[in-house]
Amino acid sequence: MNITNKPELGQYMTFEFSKEKPIHGWFWYKEGFAPEIVEWAIKNENNPKTVLDPFCGVGTTLLSAKNLGLESVGVDASTLAVFVSKTKTDDYDQSDLETVRAFLEKQLPPPPNIRWEFELFDVRAAFPKRNYNEILALRNAIEQEDDRVRNILLVGLLSILPQSSLVLKDGGVLKIIKDKKALPAREIFKRRVKKMLKDLELQKKGHGPRVFLGDARALNMEDESIDLVVTSPPYLNNIDYSKIYGLELSLLSMSKAEASEVRMRAIRSFIGKQMEVQDMPPEVGEIGERIPIIGTYFKDMELAIKEMFRTLREGGAAHVVVSNSVIHETHILVDEVFAQMAERIGFADVEMVVGAERVADVKPQKVKTRESIVIMRK
């Protein structure tokens, strides 16, 4: 296994560089990476034509592939991720954009008598009353529009929930902060959608990806159908993504149960998920028995790597962005375990590209943890 350092890539291993980019920045997704990672991976490989992201999140890989004229496939366990990815990568015509503009000037009827429920708290406590009513009125009016128009408007509405609410996303926890400044919902919704329209005016039409709800551990895809995988699996940490984005998920689905359903489908990556260790990968060692989340995480990752191997053509490659972790004061070298599993599974050439080192504050000490791209060539 070859290990190289490319610190110039480190800044792109977060979503920060995406937030101001057209379309990429429509929906803030802290756990994502920047399109520069995808562009670098594509240049690094031998003229790939088809790209897969089995943990597609909000579609960074898919949109980047579309912008470069490549076909792509995206899979995710979250209905929110699949919805946002599809909306960001769809093609829209001028009549769609005009209908969206007209919607922004509509007089909204009073908020309907519908229930917006969330598993963690009463949603009404999470918003100023006016914002709560405006969001429900917008949600109801958006539902009356045709699909493509509806999707643009709904992504716009979902994306403003953090700014219009009293909720703070604090690591892996949602907190209601009563003195948090909540911006006026209708006003910032209009501003956000107008920015989205500007992005779409400049967007070229291209190869729309196939995006579907699924499981990276058991992909519904043909063998040897992909040239390149670019992805970032959930990190091994204490963050339950179905809760962190649960408010958005509940407004999208209007279902209290949706977050728990996503959680059941998701990779076992966070402390607190039900654990049952079976056939643990040998690379994990005794720590997987001692700390069950570690064993189950790497078992799920082993299955995902096997699916990457199965779906890649001969000569294809997977570029997987991972971060090392500290769990219960134990430093887990996630990138090395990934690389070792890939070699055992059958990848002929495995490389580790270290992009950044972050400092994890694990009292009483600070631990340096790597963020890397594990490159696995078939």
Protein backbone atom coordinates (compact mmCIF):
# COMPACT_ATOMS: atom_id res chain seq x y z
CA MET A 1 0.00 0.00 0.00
CA ASN A 2 1.38 3.37 -1.06
CA ILE A 3 0.83 6.41 1.23
CA THR A 4 1.19 9.97 -0.12
CA ASN A 5 0.47 13.40 1.32
CA LYS A 6 -1.53 15.97 -0.65
CA PRO A 7 -2.33 18.76 1.82
CA GLU A 8 -3.77 20.86 -1.02
CA LEU A 9 -6.75 18.47 -1.06
CA GLY A 10 -7.48 18.87 2.65
CA GLN A 11 -9.51 22.06 2.28
CA TYR A 12 -11.89 20.27 -0.10
CA MET A 13 -12.71 17.45 2.30
CA THR A 14 -15.49 19.52 3.89
CA PHE A 15 -18.64 21.10 2.45
CA GLU A 16 -17.35 24.63 3.08
CA PHE A 17 -16.18 25.18 -0.52
CA SER A 18 -19.53 24.03 -1.90
CA LYS A 19 -21.78 26.52 -0.17
CA GLU A 20 -21.13 29.41 -2.59
CA LYS A 21 -21.01 27.30 -5.75
CA PRO A 22 -24.03 27.36 -8.10
CA ILE A 23 -26.51 24.56 -7.30
CA HIS A 24 -23.96 22.74 -5.09
CA GLY A 25 -24.75 25.20 -2.28
CA TRP A 26 -28.54 24.87 -2.36
CA PHE A 27 -28.70 22.67 0.74
CA TRP A 28 -26.08 22.90 3.49
CA TYR A 29 -24.72 19.43 4.25
CA LYS A 30 -21.92 19.62 6.79
CA GLU A 31 -20.83 16.04 6.17
CA GLY A 32 -20.20 16.54 2.44
CA PHE A 33 -17.08 17.30 0.43
CA ALA A 34 -16.38 19.84 -2.32
CA PRO A 35 -16.68 19.18 -6.09
CA GLU A 36 -12.92 19.64 -6.41
CA ILE A 37 -12.52 16.15 -4.89
CA VAL A 38 -14.67 14.67 -7.67
CA GLU A 39 -12.87 16.63 -10.38
CA TRP A 40 -9.50 15.50 -9.00
CA ALA A 41 -10.62 11.85 -8.94
CA ILE A 42 -11.90 12.01 -12.52
CA LYS A 43 -8.63 13.55 -13.76
CA ASN A 44 -6.69 10.96 -11.77
CA GLU A 45 -8.29 8.01 -13.57
CA ASN A 46 -8.38 6.81 -17.17
CA ASN A 47 -11.26 8.63 -18.90
CA PRO A 48 -14.16 7.27 -16.82
CA LYS A 49 -17.56 7.46 -18.48
CA THR A 50 -19.80 6.28 -15.64
CA VAL A 51 -19.47 7.39 -12.01
CA LEU A 52 -21.12 5.92 -8.91
CA ASP A 53 -21.66 7.44 -5.46
CA PRO A 54 -23.21 4.79 -3.17
CA PHE A 55 -23.49 7.34 -0.31
CA CYS A 56 -24.59 10.23 -2.51
CA GLY A 57 -25.70 12.68 0.21
CA VAL A 58 -26.84 15.89 -1.47
CA GLY A 59 -25.39 15.00 -4.86
CA THR A 60 -21.92 16.57 -5.05
CA THR A 61 -20.49 13.67 -7.07
CA LEU A 62 -23.57 13.48 -9.30
CA LEU A 63 -23.74 17.20 -10.09
CA SER A 64 -19.98 17.33 -10.72
CA ALA A 65 -20.23 14.37 -13.10
CA LYS A 66 -23.15 15.99 -14.93
CA ASN A 67 -21.22 19.26 -15.31
CA LEU A 68 -18.34 17.28 -16.86
CA GLY A 69 -20.63 15.42 -19.27
CA LEU A 70 -20.42 12.04 -17.52
CA GLU A 71 -23.16 9.60 -16.66
CA SER A 72 -23.61 8.87 -12.98
CA VAL A 73 -25.56 6.82 -10.46
CA GLY A 74 -26.36 7.87 -6.90
CA VAL A 75 -27.68 5.78 -4.03
CA ASP A 76 -28.56 6.79 -0.48
CA ALA A 77 -30.52 5.40 2.48
CA SER A 78 -32.08 8.82 3.19
CA THR A 79 -35.18 10.00 1.35
CA LEU A 80 -34.04 13.57 2.03
CA ALA A 81 -30.65 12.98 0.37
CA VAL A 82 -32.22 11.29 -2.65
CA PHE A 83 -34.78 14.08 -3.05
CA VAL A 84 -32.19 16.89 -2.83
CA SER A 85 -29.80 15.07 -5.19
CA LYS A 86 -32.50 14.50 -7.80
CA THR A 87 -33.65 18.10 -7.64
CA LYS A 88 -30.13 19.52 -7.97
CA THR A 89 -29.29 17.36 -10.98
CA ASP A 90 -32.57 17.53 -12.92
CA ASP A 91 -32.98 19.58 -16.12
CA TYR A 92 -35.49 22.44 -16.09
CA ASP A 93 -36.96 24.45 -18.93
CA GLN A 94 -37.84 28.13 -19.03
CA SER A 95 -41.50 27.52 -18.27
CA ASP A 96 -40.52 25.75 -15.02
CA LEU A 97 -38.46 28.76 -13.95
CA GLU A 98 -41.24 31.21 -14.83
CA THR A 99 -43.74 29.19 -12.79
CA VAL A 100 -41.36 29.26 -9.81
CA ARG A 101 -41.04 33.05 -10.16
CA ALA A 102 -44.81 33.43 -10.27
CA PHE A 103 -45.16 31.32 -7.13
CA LEU A 104 -42.95 33.73 -5.19
CA GLU A 105 -45.46 36.53 -5.81
CA LYS A 106 -48.54 34.50 -4.88
CA GLN A 107 -50.75 35.45 -1.98
CA LEU A 108 -50.62 32.46 0.34
CA PRO A 109 -53.82 31.15 1.92
CA PRO A 110 -53.86 30.78 5.73
CA PRO A 111 -51.88 27.82 7.04
CA PRO A 112 -53.87 24.61 6.65
CA ASN A 113 -54.95 22.47 9.55
CA ILE A 114 -52.22 19.86 9.07
CA ARG A 115 -49.88 18.31 11.59
CA TRP A 116 -46.13 18.66 11.27
CA GLU A 117 -44.67 16.14 13.70
CA PHE A 118 -41.09 15.36 14.62
CA GLU A 119 -39.86 12.52 16.83
CA LEU A 120 -37.66 14.61 19.15
CA PHE A 121 -39.81 17.61 20.11
CA ASP A 122 -42.95 19.61 19.37
CA VAL A 123 -42.12 21.44 16.14
CA ARG A 124 -44.13 24.49 17.24
CA ALA A 125 -41.59 25.07 20.02
CA ALA A 126 -38.81 25.20 17.43
CA PHE A 127 -40.08 28.25 15.50
CA PRO A 128 -41.52 31.68 16.19
CA LYS A 129 -45.27 31.35 15.63
CA ARG A 130 -45.27 33.46 12.47
CA ASN A 131 -42.48 31.42 10.90
CA TYR A 132 -44.18 28.14 11.81
CA ASN A 133 -47.41 29.29 10.14
CA GLU A 134 -45.62 30.64 7.06
CA ILE A 135 -43.64 27.43 6.59
CA LEU A 136 -46.79 25.29 6.76
CA ALA A 137 -48.62 27.63 4.38
CA LEU A 138 -45.70 27.42 1.93
CA ARG A 139 -45.47 23.64 2.31
CA ASN A 140 -49.16 23.28 1.49
CA ALA A 141 -49.04 25.65 -1.50
CA ILE A 142 -45.89 24.02 -2.91
CA GLU A 143 -47.61 20.63 -2.90
CA GLN A 144 -50.14 21.91 -5.46
CA GLU A 145 -47.46 22.57 -8.11
CA ASP A 146 -46.23 20.24 -10.87
CA ASP A 147 -43.35 17.95 -9.92
CA ARG A 148 -40.31 19.87 -11.18
CA VAL A 149 -41.59 23.22 -9.90
CA ARG A 150 -42.59 21.60 -6.61
CA ASN A 151 -39.14 20.10 -6.18
CA ILE A 152 -37.27 23.40 -6.65
CA LEU A 153 -39.56 25.19 -4.22
CA LEU A 154 -39.45 22.40 -1.66
CA VAL A 155 -35.63 22.23 -1.63
CA GLY A 156 -35.68 26.01 -1.14
CA LEU A 157 -38.05 25.66 1.80
CA LEU A 158 -36.15 22.79 3.43
CA SER A 159 -32.88 24.69 3.09
CA ILE A 160 -34.07 27.68 5.16
CA LEU A 161 -35.18 25.72 8.23
CA PRO A 162 -31.91 26.28 10.15
CA GLN A 163 -32.07 30.07 9.66
CA SER A 164 -35.79 30.43 10.33
CA SER A 165 -35.90 28.21 13.43
CA LEU A 166 -34.73 28.35 17.04
CA VAL A 167 -32.86 25.08 16.53
CA LEU A 168 -29.09 24.79 16.72
CA LYS A 169 -27.26 21.78 15.26
CA ASP A 170 -24.59 21.22 17.89
CA GLY A 171 -22.41 18.28 16.83
CA GLY A 172 -24.72 15.29 17.02
CA VAL A 173 -27.46 17.09 18.97
CA LEU A 174 -30.38 19.39 18.10
CA LYS A 175 -30.97 22.11 20.68
CA ILE A 176 -33.81 24.63 20.91
CA ILE A 177 -32.27 28.00 21.83
CA LYS A 178 -35.03 30.39 22.84
CA ASP A 179 -32.96 33.55 22.30
CA LYS A 180 -31.58 32.44 18.90
CA LYS A 181 -32.34 34.94 16.14
CA ALA A 182 -34.76 33.36 13.67
CA LEU A 183 -34.98 35.14 10.31
CA PRO A 184 -38.43 35.75 8.72
CA ALA A 185 -39.35 32.53 6.91
CA ARG A 186 -41.18 33.93 3.87
CA GLU A 187 -38.52 36.56 3.25
CA ILE A 188 -35.53 34.22 3.34
CA PHE A 189 -37.45 31.61 1.33
CA LYS A 190 -37.95 34.16 -1.46
CA ARG A 191 -34.31 35.19 -1.31
CA ARG A 192 -33.11 31.57 -1.44
CA VAL A 193 -35.34 30.58 -4.35
CA LYS A 194 -34.34 33.66 -6.37
CA LYS A 195 -30.69 32.62 -5.93
CA MET A 196 -31.60 29.10 -7.06
CA LEU A 197 -33.28 30.52 -10.18
CA LYS A 198 -30.12 32.48 -11.03
CA ASP A 199 -28.12 29.27 -10.77
CA LEU A 200 -30.54 27.42 -13.04
CA GLU A 201 -30.48 30.17 -15.68
CA LEU A 202 -26.75 29.47 -16.14
CA GLN A 203 -26.92 25.68 -15.86
CA LYS A 204 -26.37 23.61 -19.00
CA LYS A 205 -28.50 20.56 -19.61
CA GLY A 206 -26.65 17.27 -19.54
CA HIS A 207 -26.58 13.62 -18.54
CA GLY A 208 -29.02 13.44 -15.64
CA PRO A 209 -27.95 10.81 -13.10
CA ARG A 210 -29.98 7.86 -11.92
CA VAL A 211 -30.64 8.48 -8.23
CA PHE A 212 -32.47 6.03 -6.04
CA LEU A 213 -33.12 5.00 -2.46
CA GLY A 214 -30.98 2.02 -1.64
CA ASP A 215 -28.33 0.34 0.45
CA ALA A 216 -24.61 0.66 -0.33
CA ARG A 217 -24.14 -2.80 1.21
CA ALA A 218 -26.42 -4.43 -1.39
CA LEU A 219 -26.61 -2.34 -4.55
CA ASN A 220 -29.31 -3.09 -7.09
CA MET A 221 -26.83 -2.75 -9.94
CA GLU A 222 -25.20 -4.96 -12.55
CA ASP A 223 -21.69 -6.36 -12.17
CA GLU A 224 -18.88 -4.38 -13.81
CA SER A 225 -21.13 -1.50 -14.90
CA ILE A 226 -19.16 1.43 -13.38
CA ASP A 227 -15.79 3.04 -14.22
CA LEU A 228 -15.28 5.18 -11.12
CA VAL A 229 -16.66 5.43 -7.58
CA VAL A 230 -16.30 8.74 -5.72
CA THR A 231 -17.91 8.74 -2.29
CA SER A 232 -17.64 9.50 1.40
CA PRO A 233 -19.34 7.00 3.73
CA PRO A 234 -20.73 8.15 7.08
CA TYR A 235 -17.90 8.81 9.49
CA LEU A 236 -17.47 6.66 12.59
CA ASN A 237 -18.66 9.08 15.28
CA ASN A 238 -21.49 10.00 17.63
CA ILE A 239 -23.66 11.70 15.00
CA ASP A 240 -27.01 10.23 13.99
CA TYR A 241 -27.60 11.96 10.65
CA SER A 242 -31.27 10.96 10.61
CA LYS A 243 -31.74 13.12 13.73
CA ILE A 244 -29.51 16.02 12.69
CA TYR A 245 -31.52 16.41 9.46
CA GLY A 246 -34.69 15.04 11.03
CA LEU A 247 -36.57 18.34 11.00
CA GLU A 248 -36.01 18.71 7.25
CA LEU A 249 -36.88 15.05 6.73
CA SER A 250 -40.14 15.43 8.65
CA LEU A 251 -41.21 18.48 6.61
CA LEU A 252 -40.37 16.70 3.36
CA SER A 253 -42.33 13.56 4.23
CA MET A 254 -44.86 15.06 6.67
CA SER A 255 -44.29 11.84 8.60
CA LYS A 256 -43.07 11.51 12.17
CA ALA A 257 -41.83 7.98 11.46
CA GLU A 258 -39.59 8.78 8.47
CA ALA A 259 -36.45 9.55 10.49
CA SER A 260 -36.61 6.22 12.34
CA GLU A 261 -37.15 4.40 9.02
CA VAL A 262 -34.05 6.07 7.56
CA ARG A 263 -32.15 5.11 10.71
CA MET A 264 -33.06 1.46 10.25
CA ARG A 265 -31.71 1.51 6.67
CA ALA A 266 -28.52 3.41 7.46
CA ILE A 267 -24.96 2.24 7.88
CA ARG A 268 -24.17 1.55 11.55
CA SER A 269 -21.79 4.47 12.08
CA PHE A 270 -22.88 6.23 15.26
CA ILE A 271 -22.77 5.42 18.96
CA GLY A 272 -26.23 4.37 20.07
CA LYS A 273 -27.26 2.44 16.96
CA GLN A 274 -28.29 -1.12 17.80
CA MET A 275 -25.20 -3.29 17.59
CA GLU A 276 -24.80 -6.94 16.70
CA VAL A 277 -21.34 -8.05 15.60
CA GLN A 278 -21.26 -11.00 13.22
CA ASP A 279 -18.34 -12.10 11.02
CA MET A 280 -16.25 -9.09 11.94
CA PRO A 281 -13.52 -8.22 9.39
CA PRO A 282 -10.16 -9.61 10.59
CA GLU A 283 -8.48 -6.21 10.08
CA VAL A 284 -10.46 -4.72 12.98
CA GLY A 285 -8.97 -6.87 15.74
CA GLU A 286 -10.08 -7.18 19.34
CA ILE A 287 -11.20 -3.57 19.55
CA GLY A 288 -14.25 -4.48 17.48
CA GLU A 289 -15.36 -6.87 20.20
CA ARG A 290 -14.55 -4.44 22.98
CA ILE A 291 -16.35 -1.49 21.33
CA PRO A 292 -19.21 -3.00 19.26
CA ILE A 293 -19.88 0.15 17.18
CA ILE A 294 -16.40 -0.24 15.67
CA GLY A 295 -16.97 -3.86 14.69
CA THR A 296 -20.38 -3.24 13.16
CA TYR A 297 -19.20 -0.11 11.32
CA PHE A 298 -16.36 -1.94 9.62
CA LYS A 299 -18.59 -4.94 8.85
CA ASP A 300 -20.95 -2.59 7.01
CA MET A 301 -17.99 -0.91 5.29
CA GLU A 302 -16.62 -4.30 4.23
CA LEU A 303 -19.94 -5.08 2.54
CA ALA A 304 -19.94 -1.65 0.85
CA ILE A 305 -16.37 -2.14 -0.44
CA LYS A 306 -17.33 -5.57 -1.81
CA GLU A 307 -20.18 -3.92 -3.71
CA MET A 308 -17.81 -1.30 -5.12
CA PHE A 309 -15.52 -4.12 -6.28
CA ARG A 310 -18.42 -6.02 -7.84
CA THR A 311 -19.84 -3.05 -9.76
CA LEU A 312 -16.50 -1.65 -10.98
CA ARG A 313 -15.18 -2.68 -14.38
CA GLU A 314 -11.67 -4.08 -14.70
CA GLY A 315 -9.32 -1.09 -14.54
CA GLY A 316 -11.87 0.99 -12.63
CA ALA A 317 -11.21 2.71 -9.32
CA ALA A 318 -12.91 3.84 -6.13
CA HIS A 319 -11.93 7.09 -4.39
CA VAL A 320 -13.31 6.97 -0.84
CA VAL A 321 -13.03 9.98 1.49
CA VAL A 322 -12.72 8.86 5.12
CA SER A 323 -11.74 10.33 8.46
CA ASN A 324 -10.02 8.62 11.35
CA SER A 325 -11.95 8.70 14.62
CA VAL A 326 -11.57 8.72 18.37
CA ILE A 327 -14.15 6.49 20.09
CA HIS A 328 -14.10 6.06 23.87
CA GLU A 329 -10.57 7.55 23.95
CA THR A 330 -9.38 5.01 21.36
CA HIS A 331 -7.85 6.32 18.10
CA ILE A 332 -9.28 4.35 15.16
CA LEU A 333 -7.21 4.39 11.93
CA VAL A 334 -10.21 4.14 9.63
CA ASP A 335 -8.21 4.79 6.44
CA GLU A 336 -5.75 1.98 7.15
CA VAL A 337 -8.50 -0.53 7.93
CA PHE A 338 -10.31 0.47 4.71
CA ALA A 339 -7.13 -0.02 2.70
CA GLN A 340 -6.39 -3.41 4.29
CA MET A 341 -9.96 -4.63 3.68
CA ALA A 342 -9.76 -3.47 0.04
CA GLU A 343 -6.57 -5.48 -0.52
CA ARG A 344 -8.14 -8.61 0.97
CA ILE A 345 -11.33 -8.18 -1.08
CA GLY A 346 -9.26 -8.18 -4.27
CA PHE A 347 -8.36 -4.64 -5.29
CA ALA A 348 -5.02 -4.88 -7.11
CA ASP A 349 -3.66 -1.43 -6.29
CA VAL A 350 -4.54 0.40 -3.07
CA GLU A 351 -3.27 3.88 -2.25
CA MET A 352 -3.85 6.21 0.69
CA VAL A 353 -3.77 9.96 -0.01
CA VAL A 354 -3.63 11.99 3.20
CA GLY A 355 -5.28 15.38 2.75
CA ALA A 356 -5.55 16.86 6.22
CA GLU A 357 -4.93 16.37 9.90
CA ARG A 358 -7.56 17.56 12.37
CA VAL A 359 -7.16 17.79 16.13
CA ALA A 360 -9.73 15.86 18.16
CA ASP A 361 -10.11 17.25 21.68
CA VAL A 362 -10.28 14.04 23.71
CA LYS A 363 -9.79 15.05 27.32
CA PRO A 364 -7.29 14.90 28.90
CA GLN A 365 -5.37 14.98 25.60
CA LYS A 366 -5.63 16.18 22.01
CA VAL A 367 -5.32 13.60 19.24
CA LYS A 368 -4.37 14.29 15.62
CA THR A 369 -6.70 12.45 13.24
CA ARG A 370 -6.20 12.10 9.48
CA GLU A 371 -8.65 12.74 6.68
CA SER A 372 -7.69 10.68 3.66
CA ILE A 373 -8.80 9.45 0.28
CA VAL A 374 -8.43 5.69 0.02
CA ILE A 375 -7.96 4.86 -3.68
CA MET A 376 -8.77 1.27 -4.64
CA ARG A 377 -8.08 0.15 -8.22
CA LYS A 378 -9.46 -3.06 -9.69
